[in-house]
Amino acid sequence: MSQRVKKVNELLRHEISQLLLKEIDFCDMLVTITETDTSPDLRHANVKISVLPQEKNELAIEIINKNIFRIQQKLNKRLHMKPIPKIRFEIDKAEIKAQRIEELLSKNKK
């Protein structure tokens, strides 16, 4: 991964997290950006999120997808670069797997 892509990933993670914090009301959920993965041509970016409680994963994605156009517009205004990646959100499956492993390990200790 090039240095530019790494910097863009970090910039996107920071800016999108600020937008989610200020622009979207998630009610009683905690939504965290765990990773951003920008394509080498900088045209697309996958943003992985984790949600607590995990039972509300689908609701969080639904809320974000309802506001995706507004998020993208605000991101376009904030970033001073060309091209600005088109963002897509998905649930971070690694978090779910890690929690499952923790549960199994704690059950095994008992």
Protein backbone atom coordinates (compact mmCIF):
# COMPACT_ATOMS: atom_id res chain seq x y z
CA MET A 1 0.00 0.00 0.00
CA SER A 2 1.41 3.38 -0.98
CA GLN A 3 2.00 6.21 1.46
CA ARG A 4 -0.70 8.30 -0.22
CA VAL A 5 -3.34 5.59 0.19
CA LYS A 6 -2.36 5.21 3.87
CA LYS A 7 -2.73 8.95 4.42
CA VAL A 8 -6.07 9.03 2.60
CA ASN A 9 -7.31 6.09 4.71
CA GLU A 10 -6.41 7.92 7.92
CA LEU A 11 -7.91 11.19 6.69
CA LEU A 12 -11.16 9.47 5.70
CA ARG A 13 -11.37 7.62 9.01
CA HIS A 14 -10.98 10.87 10.93
CA GLU A 15 -13.36 12.97 8.82
CA ILE A 16 -16.09 10.33 8.56
CA SER A 17 -15.97 9.66 12.29
CA GLN A 18 -16.46 13.39 12.92
CA LEU A 19 -19.39 13.46 10.50
CA LEU A 20 -21.04 10.43 12.09
CA LEU A 21 -20.59 11.92 15.54
CA LYS A 22 -22.06 15.33 14.66
CA GLU A 23 -24.53 14.64 11.86
CA ILE A 24 -26.26 11.35 12.64
CA ASP A 25 -28.29 10.40 15.68
CA PHE A 26 -27.78 6.72 16.48
CA CYS A 27 -30.06 6.84 19.54
CA ASP A 28 -28.74 4.24 21.97
CA MET A 29 -25.94 2.78 19.83
CA LEU A 30 -22.20 3.30 19.81
CA VAL A 31 -20.83 3.28 16.25
CA THR A 32 -17.06 3.18 15.75
CA ILE A 33 -15.04 3.21 12.55
CA THR A 34 -12.55 0.38 12.77
CA GLU A 35 -10.92 0.53 9.35
CA THR A 36 -10.98 2.34 6.03
CA ASP A 37 -9.78 0.66 2.87
CA THR A 38 -9.31 2.94 -0.12
CA SER A 39 -8.72 1.57 -3.61
CA PRO A 40 -5.33 2.34 -5.20
CA ASP A 41 -6.95 4.73 -7.70
CA LEU A 42 -8.65 6.58 -4.78
CA ARG A 43 -12.11 6.32 -6.33
CA HIS A 44 -13.73 3.98 -3.77
CA ALA A 45 -13.41 3.46 -0.05
CA ASN A 46 -14.88 0.75 2.16
CA VAL A 47 -15.47 1.91 5.71
CA LYS A 48 -15.80 -0.83 8.31
CA ILE A 49 -17.75 -0.07 11.45
CA SER A 50 -18.43 -1.81 14.72
CA VAL A 51 -21.66 -1.28 16.62
CA LEU A 52 -22.46 -1.76 20.29
CA PRO A 53 -24.73 -3.49 21.09
CA GLN A 54 -24.07 -5.87 18.21
CA GLU A 55 -27.74 -6.77 17.89
CA LYS A 56 -28.23 -3.36 16.28
CA ASN A 57 -25.71 -3.84 13.45
CA GLU A 58 -28.36 -3.88 10.75
CA LEU A 59 -30.16 -0.85 12.18
CA ALA A 60 -26.91 1.15 12.23
CA ILE A 61 -26.17 0.29 8.59
CA GLU A 62 -29.73 1.20 7.67
CA ILE A 63 -29.42 4.61 9.37
CA ILE A 64 -26.09 5.28 7.67
CA ASN A 65 -27.41 4.24 4.25
CA LYS A 66 -30.37 6.59 4.65
CA ASN A 67 -27.90 9.43 5.22
CA ILE A 68 -25.14 8.30 2.83
CA PHE A 69 -25.81 11.07 0.30
CA ARG A 70 -25.56 13.77 2.96
CA ILE A 71 -22.41 12.19 4.42
CA GLN A 72 -20.79 12.04 0.98
CA GLN A 73 -21.73 15.68 0.24
CA LYS A 74 -20.24 16.94 3.51
CA LEU A 75 -17.14 14.84 2.93
CA ASN A 76 -16.78 16.31 -0.56
CA LYS A 77 -16.85 19.82 0.92
CA ARG A 78 -14.36 19.03 3.70
CA LEU A 79 -11.69 17.23 1.70
CA HIS A 80 -9.38 19.16 -0.57
CA MET A 81 -8.29 16.41 -2.92
CA LYS A 82 -9.17 14.90 -6.27
CA PRO A 83 -10.73 12.40 -6.69
CA ILE A 84 -12.74 12.11 -3.51
CA PRO A 85 -13.49 8.44 -2.86
CA LYS A 86 -17.07 7.21 -2.98
CA ILE A 87 -17.68 5.66 0.42
CA ARG A 88 -19.45 2.43 1.28
CA PHE A 89 -20.12 1.20 4.81
CA GLU A 90 -20.03 -2.38 6.07
CA ILE A 91 -19.97 -4.16 9.41
CA ASP A 92 -16.53 -5.23 10.59
CA LYS A 93 -16.79 -9.01 10.88
CA ALA A 94 -13.43 -9.26 12.68
CA GLU A 95 -14.95 -7.60 15.76
CA ILE A 96 -17.75 -10.16 15.85
CA LYS A 97 -15.30 -13.04 15.50
CA ALA A 98 -13.02 -11.62 18.20
CA GLN A 99 -15.90 -11.30 20.63
CA ARG A 100 -16.97 -14.88 19.92
CA ILE A 101 -13.42 -16.12 20.61
CA GLU A 102 -13.37 -14.15 23.90
CA GLU A 103 -16.66 -15.77 24.92
CA LEU A 104 -15.34 -19.25 24.16
CA LEU A 105 -12.11 -18.62 26.05
CA SER A 106 -13.88 -17.29 29.12
CA LYS A 107 -16.30 -20.24 29.04
CA ASN A 108 -13.34 -22.62 28.76
CA LYS A 109 -11.64 -21.07 31.83
CA LYS A 110 -14.71 -21.70 33.98
